[in-house]
Amino acid sequence: MKRAIASGAFALVTAATCLVLAPTASAAPDACVTSTLTTGSNEGVGTQVRKSSTSTCGDLNLTYTDDKTQYGYDGYAGRLYHSSSSRWITCDAGYVWAYDGSHSVNDSKFWLCTDVSDNTLFTVASAANGGDTVRITH
């Protein structure tokens, strides 16, 4: 009986330790939204998305790229629609060069636009060509 109780206690302690030491996800914060877009050509307009109004993320973060050409990389620029001038404006970061694959939301190299207001209409342009697939966490 004492062995059964000791074994049971050991199992509970082991299970509790696993719960405490379990790793947490380190991707985008829970309050961020991720949108998949098709890029426009250089200084062009691709898929248009509105910046989330429920997100605490203030940036447009490039978190995945898939260049549809043979090169496997391209330059990507965030573009915001300015309703006052009815024009698309490229963000200050300009074109950010990235190889195909995933990119960290925490890496400032991939922040296409910063301090973007809620509900702002945005798109992404490719430097070399349009039609690439990107994911923007915002």
C-alpha atoms as a PDB file:
ATOM      1  CA  MET A   1       0.000   0.000   0.000  1.00  0.00           C
ATOM      2  CA  LYS A   2       2.827   2.408   0.890  1.00  0.00           C
ATOM      3  CA  ARG A   3       4.453   1.699  -2.494  1.00  0.00           C
ATOM      4  CA  ALA A   4       1.216   2.489  -4.316  1.00  0.00           C
ATOM      5  CA  ILE A   5       0.834   5.787  -2.441  1.00  0.00           C
ATOM      6  CA  ALA A   6       4.476   6.717  -3.056  1.00  0.00           C
ATOM      7  CA  SER A   7       4.168   5.827  -6.750  1.00  0.00           C
ATOM      8  CA  GLY A   8       0.996   7.878  -7.038  1.00  0.00           C
ATOM      9  CA  ALA A   9       2.591  10.867  -5.312  1.00  0.00           C
ATOM     10  CA  PHE A  10       5.633  10.643  -7.606  1.00  0.00           C
ATOM     11  CA  ALA A  11       3.358  10.553 -10.656  1.00  0.00           C
ATOM     12  CA  LEU A  12       1.500  13.672  -9.476  1.00  0.00           C
ATOM     13  CA  VAL A  13       4.717  15.588  -8.803  1.00  0.00           C
ATOM     14  CA  THR A  14       6.091  14.586 -12.220  1.00  0.00           C
ATOM     15  CA  ALA A  15       2.889  15.664 -13.975  1.00  0.00           C
ATOM     16  CA  ALA A  16       2.826  19.007 -12.142  1.00  0.00           C
ATOM     17  CA  THR A  17       6.475  19.645 -13.056  1.00  0.00           C
ATOM     18  CA  CYS A  18       5.709  19.006 -16.722  1.00  0.00           C
ATOM     19  CA  LEU A  19       2.859  21.499 -16.610  1.00  0.00           C
ATOM     20  CA  VAL A  20       5.017  24.175 -15.011  1.00  0.00           C
ATOM     21  CA  LEU A  21       7.939  23.623 -17.396  1.00  0.00           C
ATOM     22  CA  ALA A  22       5.875  23.308 -20.573  1.00  0.00           C
ATOM     23  CA  PRO A  23       7.125  25.764 -23.200  1.00  0.00           C
ATOM     24  CA  THR A  24       4.876  28.558 -24.347  1.00  0.00           C
ATOM     25  CA  ALA A  25       4.375  29.571 -27.952  1.00  0.00           C
ATOM     26  CA  SER A  26       6.694  32.361 -28.986  1.00  0.00           C
ATOM     27  CA  ALA A  27       4.989  33.364 -32.209  1.00  0.00           C
ATOM     28  CA  ALA A  28       2.913  36.503 -32.547  1.00  0.00           C
ATOM     29  CA  PRO A  29       1.260  37.852 -29.395  1.00  0.00           C
ATOM     30  CA  ASP A  30      -2.304  36.584 -28.958  1.00  0.00           C
ATOM     31  CA  ALA A  31      -3.757  39.990 -29.746  1.00  0.00           C
ATOM     32  CA  CYS A  32      -2.207  40.176 -33.216  1.00  0.00           C
ATOM     33  CA  VAL A  33      -3.962  39.193 -36.440  1.00  0.00           C
ATOM     34  CA  THR A  34      -2.293  37.535 -39.441  1.00  0.00           C
ATOM     35  CA  SER A  35      -3.526  38.111 -42.994  1.00  0.00           C
ATOM     36  CA  THR A  36      -2.394  36.353 -46.177  1.00  0.00           C
ATOM     37  CA  LEU A  37      -2.003  38.661 -49.176  1.00  0.00           C
ATOM     38  CA  THR A  38      -0.950  38.470 -52.807  1.00  0.00           C
ATOM     39  CA  THR A  39       1.553  41.203 -53.614  1.00  0.00           C
ATOM     40  CA  GLY A  40       1.241  43.874 -56.252  1.00  0.00           C
ATOM     41  CA  SER A  41       4.087  44.679 -58.621  1.00  0.00           C
ATOM     42  CA  ASN A  42       6.712  47.336 -57.856  1.00  0.00           C
ATOM     43  CA  GLU A  43       4.906  50.330 -56.283  1.00  0.00           C
ATOM     44  CA  GLY A  44       1.667  48.541 -57.171  1.00  0.00           C
ATOM     45  CA  VAL A  45      -1.359  47.386 -55.243  1.00  0.00           C
ATOM     46  CA  GLY A  46      -2.063  43.759 -54.389  1.00  0.00           C
ATOM     47  CA  THR A  47      -4.610  42.341 -51.952  1.00  0.00           C
ATOM     48  CA  GLN A  48      -6.007  45.115 -49.774  1.00  0.00           C
ATOM     49  CA  VAL A  49      -6.564  44.539 -46.047  1.00  0.00           C
ATOM     50  CA  ARG A  50      -7.568  46.815 -43.186  1.00  0.00           C
ATOM     51  CA  LYS A  51      -5.350  47.019 -40.113  1.00  0.00           C
ATOM     52  CA  SER A  52      -7.080  45.199 -37.280  1.00  0.00           C
ATOM     53  CA  SER A  53      -8.994  47.426 -34.883  1.00  0.00           C
ATOM     54  CA  THR A  54      -8.855  44.811 -32.115  1.00  0.00           C
ATOM     55  CA  SER A  55      -5.114  44.153 -32.281  1.00  0.00           C
ATOM     56  CA  THR A  56      -2.527  45.591 -29.924  1.00  0.00           C
ATOM     57  CA  CYS A  57       0.078  45.284 -32.684  1.00  0.00           C
ATOM     58  CA  GLY A  58       0.870  48.671 -34.185  1.00  0.00           C
ATOM     59  CA  ASP A  59       3.064  47.422 -36.999  1.00  0.00           C
ATOM     60  CA  LEU A  60       2.766  45.536 -40.268  1.00  0.00           C
ATOM     61  CA  ASN A  61       5.162  42.637 -39.724  1.00  0.00           C
ATOM     62  CA  LEU A  62       6.262  40.446 -42.643  1.00  0.00           C
ATOM     63  CA  THR A  63       6.098  36.940 -41.149  1.00  0.00           C
ATOM     64  CA  TYR A  64       6.061  34.718 -44.267  1.00  0.00           C
ATOM     65  CA  THR A  65       7.098  35.120 -47.899  1.00  0.00           C
ATOM     66  CA  ASP A  66       6.779  32.929 -50.979  1.00  0.00           C
ATOM     67  CA  ASP A  67       8.316  34.483 -54.085  1.00  0.00           C
ATOM     68  CA  LYS A  68       6.724  32.965 -57.170  1.00  0.00           C
ATOM     69  CA  THR A  69       9.822  33.402 -59.359  1.00  0.00           C
ATOM     70  CA  GLN A  70      12.824  31.123 -59.608  1.00  0.00           C
ATOM     71  CA  TYR A  71      14.919  33.265 -57.274  1.00  0.00           C
ATOM     72  CA  GLY A  72      13.287  32.395 -53.948  1.00  0.00           C
ATOM     73  CA  TYR A  73      13.580  35.939 -52.592  1.00  0.00           C
ATOM     74  CA  ASP A  74      12.223  39.394 -53.315  1.00  0.00           C
ATOM     75  CA  GLY A  75      11.886  42.850 -51.829  1.00  0.00           C
ATOM     76  CA  TYR A  76       8.605  43.673 -50.102  1.00  0.00           C
ATOM     77  CA  ALA A  77       7.196  47.078 -49.180  1.00  0.00           C
ATOM     78  CA  GLY A  78       4.183  47.913 -47.061  1.00  0.00           C
ATOM     79  CA  ARG A  79       1.911  50.509 -48.630  1.00  0.00           C
ATOM     80  CA  LEU A  80      -0.805  52.499 -46.865  1.00  0.00           C
ATOM     81  CA  TYR A  81      -3.813  54.143 -48.474  1.00  0.00           C
ATOM     82  CA  HIS A  82      -4.111  57.838 -47.680  1.00  0.00           C
ATOM     83  CA  SER A  83      -7.740  58.753 -48.190  1.00  0.00           C
ATOM     84  CA  SER A  84      -6.979  62.491 -47.967  1.00  0.00           C
ATOM     85  CA  SER A  85      -4.941  62.298 -51.189  1.00  0.00           C
ATOM     86  CA  SER A  86      -6.528  59.118 -52.627  1.00  0.00           C
ATOM     87  CA  ARG A  87      -3.016  57.698 -53.031  1.00  0.00           C
ATOM     88  CA  TRP A  88      -1.040  54.639 -51.938  1.00  0.00           C
ATOM     89  CA  ILE A  89       2.129  55.616 -50.093  1.00  0.00           C
ATOM     90  CA  THR A  90       5.075  53.254 -49.499  1.00  0.00           C
ATOM     91  CA  CYS A  91       6.080  53.111 -45.826  1.00  0.00           C
ATOM     92  CA  ASP A  92       9.399  54.546 -44.646  1.00  0.00           C
ATOM     93  CA  ALA A  93      11.070  51.119 -44.436  1.00  0.00           C
ATOM     94  CA  GLY A  94      10.922  50.910 -48.234  1.00  0.00           C
ATOM     95  CA  TYR A  95      11.611  47.506 -49.768  1.00  0.00           C
ATOM     96  CA  VAL A  96      12.726  44.848 -47.298  1.00  0.00           C
ATOM     97  CA  TRP A  97      14.539  41.904 -48.909  1.00  0.00           C
ATOM     98  CA  ALA A  98      13.550  38.452 -47.693  1.00  0.00           C
ATOM     99  CA  TYR A  99      14.123  34.850 -48.727  1.00  0.00           C
ATOM    100  CA  ASP A 100      11.156  32.491 -48.963  1.00  0.00           C
ATOM    101  CA  GLY A 101       9.966  31.141 -45.624  1.00  0.00           C
ATOM    102  CA  SER A 102       8.927  32.300 -42.178  1.00  0.00           C
ATOM    103  CA  HIS A 103      10.246  35.409 -40.454  1.00  0.00           C
ATOM    104  CA  SER A 104      10.087  36.365 -36.783  1.00  0.00           C
ATOM    105  CA  VAL A 105       7.453  38.878 -35.768  1.00  0.00           C
ATOM    106  CA  ASN A 106      10.068  40.165 -33.292  1.00  0.00           C
ATOM    107  CA  ASP A 107      12.752  40.884 -35.930  1.00  0.00           C
ATOM    108  CA  SER A 108      12.560  44.609 -36.719  1.00  0.00           C
ATOM    109  CA  LYS A 109      14.161  43.964 -40.124  1.00  0.00           C
ATOM    110  CA  PHE A 110      10.766  42.623 -41.246  1.00  0.00           C
ATOM    111  CA  TRP A 111       8.614  45.494 -39.920  1.00  0.00           C
ATOM    112  CA  LEU A 112       7.266  46.937 -43.164  1.00  0.00           C
ATOM    113  CA  CYS A 113       5.303  49.771 -41.533  1.00  0.00           C
ATOM    114  CA  THR A 114       5.258  51.019 -37.938  1.00  0.00           C
ATOM    115  CA  ASP A 115       2.638  52.797 -35.834  1.00  0.00           C
ATOM    116  CA  VAL A 116      -0.200  52.008 -38.238  1.00  0.00           C
ATOM    117  CA  SER A 117      -3.615  53.270 -37.115  1.00  0.00           C
ATOM    118  CA  ASP A 118      -6.563  50.907 -36.735  1.00  0.00           C
ATOM    119  CA  ASN A 119      -8.640  50.290 -39.881  1.00  0.00           C
ATOM    120  CA  THR A 120      -5.971  51.749 -42.196  1.00  0.00           C
ATOM    121  CA  LEU A 121      -6.135  50.113 -45.623  1.00  0.00           C
ATOM    122  CA  PHE A 122      -2.817  48.472 -46.549  1.00  0.00           C
ATOM    123  CA  THR A 123      -1.237  46.312 -49.229  1.00  0.00           C
ATOM    124  CA  VAL A 124       2.206  44.885 -50.025  1.00  0.00           C
ATOM    125  CA  ALA A 125       4.221  45.425 -53.206  1.00  0.00           C
ATOM    126  CA  SER A 126       7.024  43.199 -54.543  1.00  0.00           C
ATOM    127  CA  ALA A 127      10.160  44.841 -55.927  1.00  0.00           C
ATOM    128  CA  ALA A 128      10.735  42.391 -58.776  1.00  0.00           C
ATOM    129  CA  ASN A 129       7.214  41.301 -59.693  1.00  0.00           C
ATOM    130  CA  GLY A 130       3.736  40.875 -58.269  1.00  0.00           C
ATOM    131  CA  GLY A 131       1.845  37.742 -57.414  1.00  0.00           C
ATOM    132  CA  ASP A 132       3.904  36.590 -54.427  1.00  0.00           C
ATOM    133  CA  THR A 133       2.216  35.250 -51.296  1.00  0.00           C
ATOM    134  CA  VAL A 134       2.997  37.003 -48.013  1.00  0.00           C
ATOM    135  CA  ARG A 135       1.632  36.899 -44.486  1.00  0.00           C
ATOM    136  CA  ILE A 136       1.411  40.119 -42.538  1.00  0.00           C
ATOM    137  CA  THR A 137       0.958  40.046 -38.770  1.00  0.00           C
ATOM    138  CA  HIS A 138      -0.748  43.241 -37.620  1.00  0.00           C
END
